[in-house]
Amino acid sequence: MGETAETRVEAKAYQPVLSRWCAERVPAAARHSRQVAYTIHEGVVTIVDRRPPTFPELTSAWTRTPIAQLRLDTEGQWHAYRRAGDRWEPYAPHPTGPLEDLLTEIAADPRFWR
């Protein structure tokens, strides 16, 4: 899947949708102990589960566990992937679709939230 400057710009246009979706995953009262966030790099959105440090006296950095990727191809189609060990595999049963539909699938599928 070849990324271009055009796909990178298009992916960034989805930032408001992604920010809202991530914020909705964790109730405000629980955000001190868990957050869902995302990064965008070259047309690839990586969704991460963030947790506070186990030993805050040693570090203030929150852990970041990648749980899903959404990749935008040159035709403007989104493809969903889930983490399988140290690699990404196409998400089944619906690996391709509009971004909002794939986010709904990710939110509902417990395999992403282990």
Protein backbone atom coordinates (compact mmCIF):
# COMPACT_ATOMS: atom_id res chain seq x y z
CA MET A 1 0.00 0.00 0.00
CA GLY A 2 1.78 3.12 -1.18
CA GLU A 3 1.47 6.26 0.91
CA THR A 4 1.66 9.63 -0.75
CA ALA A 5 1.58 13.20 0.47
CA GLU A 6 -2.10 13.17 -0.48
CA THR A 7 -2.93 10.19 1.78
CA ARG A 8 -0.98 11.77 4.65
CA VAL A 9 -2.98 14.99 4.33
CA GLU A 10 -6.26 13.09 4.07
CA ALA A 11 -5.44 11.03 7.16
CA LYS A 12 -4.77 14.21 9.14
CA ALA A 13 -8.20 15.52 8.13
CA TYR A 14 -9.67 12.79 10.36
CA GLN A 15 -8.00 14.11 13.53
CA PRO A 16 -11.24 15.53 15.03
CA VAL A 17 -13.04 12.20 14.51
CA LEU A 18 -10.14 10.25 16.00
CA SER A 19 -9.73 12.59 18.98
CA ARG A 20 -13.42 12.37 19.84
CA TRP A 21 -13.46 8.58 19.41
CA CYS A 22 -10.43 8.14 21.70
CA ALA A 23 -11.90 10.42 24.37
CA GLU A 24 -15.16 8.46 24.33
CA ARG A 25 -13.39 5.17 25.09
CA VAL A 26 -12.56 6.12 28.70
CA PRO A 27 -14.90 7.96 31.10
CA ALA A 28 -13.50 11.28 32.35
CA ALA A 29 -13.32 9.98 35.93
CA ALA A 30 -11.03 7.11 34.86
CA ARG A 31 -8.59 9.06 32.68
CA HIS A 32 -6.06 9.28 35.51
CA SER A 33 -5.56 5.50 35.16
CA ARG A 34 -6.15 4.89 31.45
CA GLN A 35 -6.25 6.76 28.17
CA VAL A 36 -6.78 5.82 24.53
CA ALA A 37 -4.76 7.87 22.06
CA TYR A 38 -3.58 7.79 18.46
CA THR A 39 -0.72 8.81 16.25
CA ILE A 40 -0.71 9.52 12.54
CA HIS A 41 2.40 8.81 10.51
CA GLU A 42 2.44 8.68 6.71
CA GLY A 43 -1.22 7.75 6.27
CA VAL A 44 -1.20 5.21 9.11
CA VAL A 45 -3.25 5.78 12.25
CA THR A 46 -2.03 3.76 15.23
CA ILE A 47 -4.42 3.53 18.19
CA VAL A 48 -2.73 2.98 21.55
CA ASP A 49 -3.88 2.08 25.04
CA ARG A 50 -2.03 4.28 27.57
CA ARG A 51 -1.52 3.43 31.25
CA PRO A 52 0.27 5.34 34.01
CA PRO A 53 3.62 4.06 35.23
CA THR A 54 3.56 1.16 37.64
CA PHE A 55 6.37 2.78 39.63
CA PRO A 56 5.90 6.55 39.29
CA GLU A 57 8.88 7.18 41.54
CA LEU A 58 11.09 5.71 38.79
CA THR A 59 9.51 7.29 35.71
CA SER A 60 6.67 9.58 34.79
CA ALA A 61 6.20 8.09 31.32
CA TRP A 62 2.93 6.33 30.60
CA THR A 63 3.10 3.00 28.79
CA ARG A 64 1.80 2.89 25.21
CA THR A 65 0.45 -0.41 23.91
CA PRO A 66 -0.50 -0.35 20.22
CA ILE A 67 -3.86 -2.07 19.73
CA ALA A 68 -4.98 -1.22 16.20
CA GLN A 69 -3.83 0.35 12.96
CA LEU A 70 -5.90 2.01 10.28
CA ARG A 71 -4.10 2.46 6.98
CA LEU A 72 -5.28 4.74 4.21
CA ASP A 73 -4.45 3.55 0.70
CA THR A 74 -3.99 5.67 -2.42
CA GLU A 75 -7.64 5.09 -3.44
CA GLY A 76 -8.85 6.64 -0.16
CA GLN A 77 -9.90 3.29 1.35
CA TRP A 78 -9.16 2.52 5.01
CA HIS A 79 -7.78 -0.89 6.05
CA ALA A 80 -7.90 -2.14 9.65
CA TYR A 81 -5.18 -4.21 11.31
CA ARG A 82 -4.90 -5.69 14.76
CA ARG A 83 -1.82 -6.56 16.75
CA ALA A 84 -0.71 -10.20 16.58
CA GLY A 85 2.38 -10.53 18.74
CA ASP A 86 5.03 -8.28 17.23
CA ARG A 87 3.32 -7.81 13.85
CA TRP A 88 0.09 -6.46 12.37
CA GLU A 89 -2.50 -8.67 10.69
CA PRO A 90 -5.59 -7.66 8.69
CA TYR A 91 -8.61 -7.37 10.94
CA ALA A 92 -11.37 -9.87 10.24
CA PRO A 93 -14.30 -9.92 9.62
CA HIS A 94 -14.28 -6.35 8.20
CA PRO A 95 -10.75 -5.33 7.23
CA THR A 96 -11.77 -2.48 4.90
CA GLY A 97 -14.31 0.33 5.07
CA PRO A 98 -15.00 3.92 6.03
CA LEU A 99 -12.95 5.12 9.00
CA GLU A 100 -15.98 5.63 11.24
CA ASP A 101 -17.24 2.08 10.57
CA LEU A 102 -13.84 0.58 11.37
CA LEU A 103 -13.65 2.59 14.61
CA THR A 104 -17.07 1.23 15.59
CA GLU A 105 -15.83 -2.32 14.92
CA ILE A 106 -12.68 -1.74 16.99
CA ALA A 107 -14.67 -0.29 19.90
CA ALA A 108 -17.00 -3.30 19.97
CA ASP A 109 -14.44 -6.10 19.51
CA PRO A 110 -12.95 -7.30 22.82
CA ARG A 111 -9.89 -8.74 21.00
CA PHE A 112 -8.56 -5.17 20.79
CA TRP A 113 -9.05 -4.46 24.48
CA ARG A 114 -7.25 -7.30 26.24
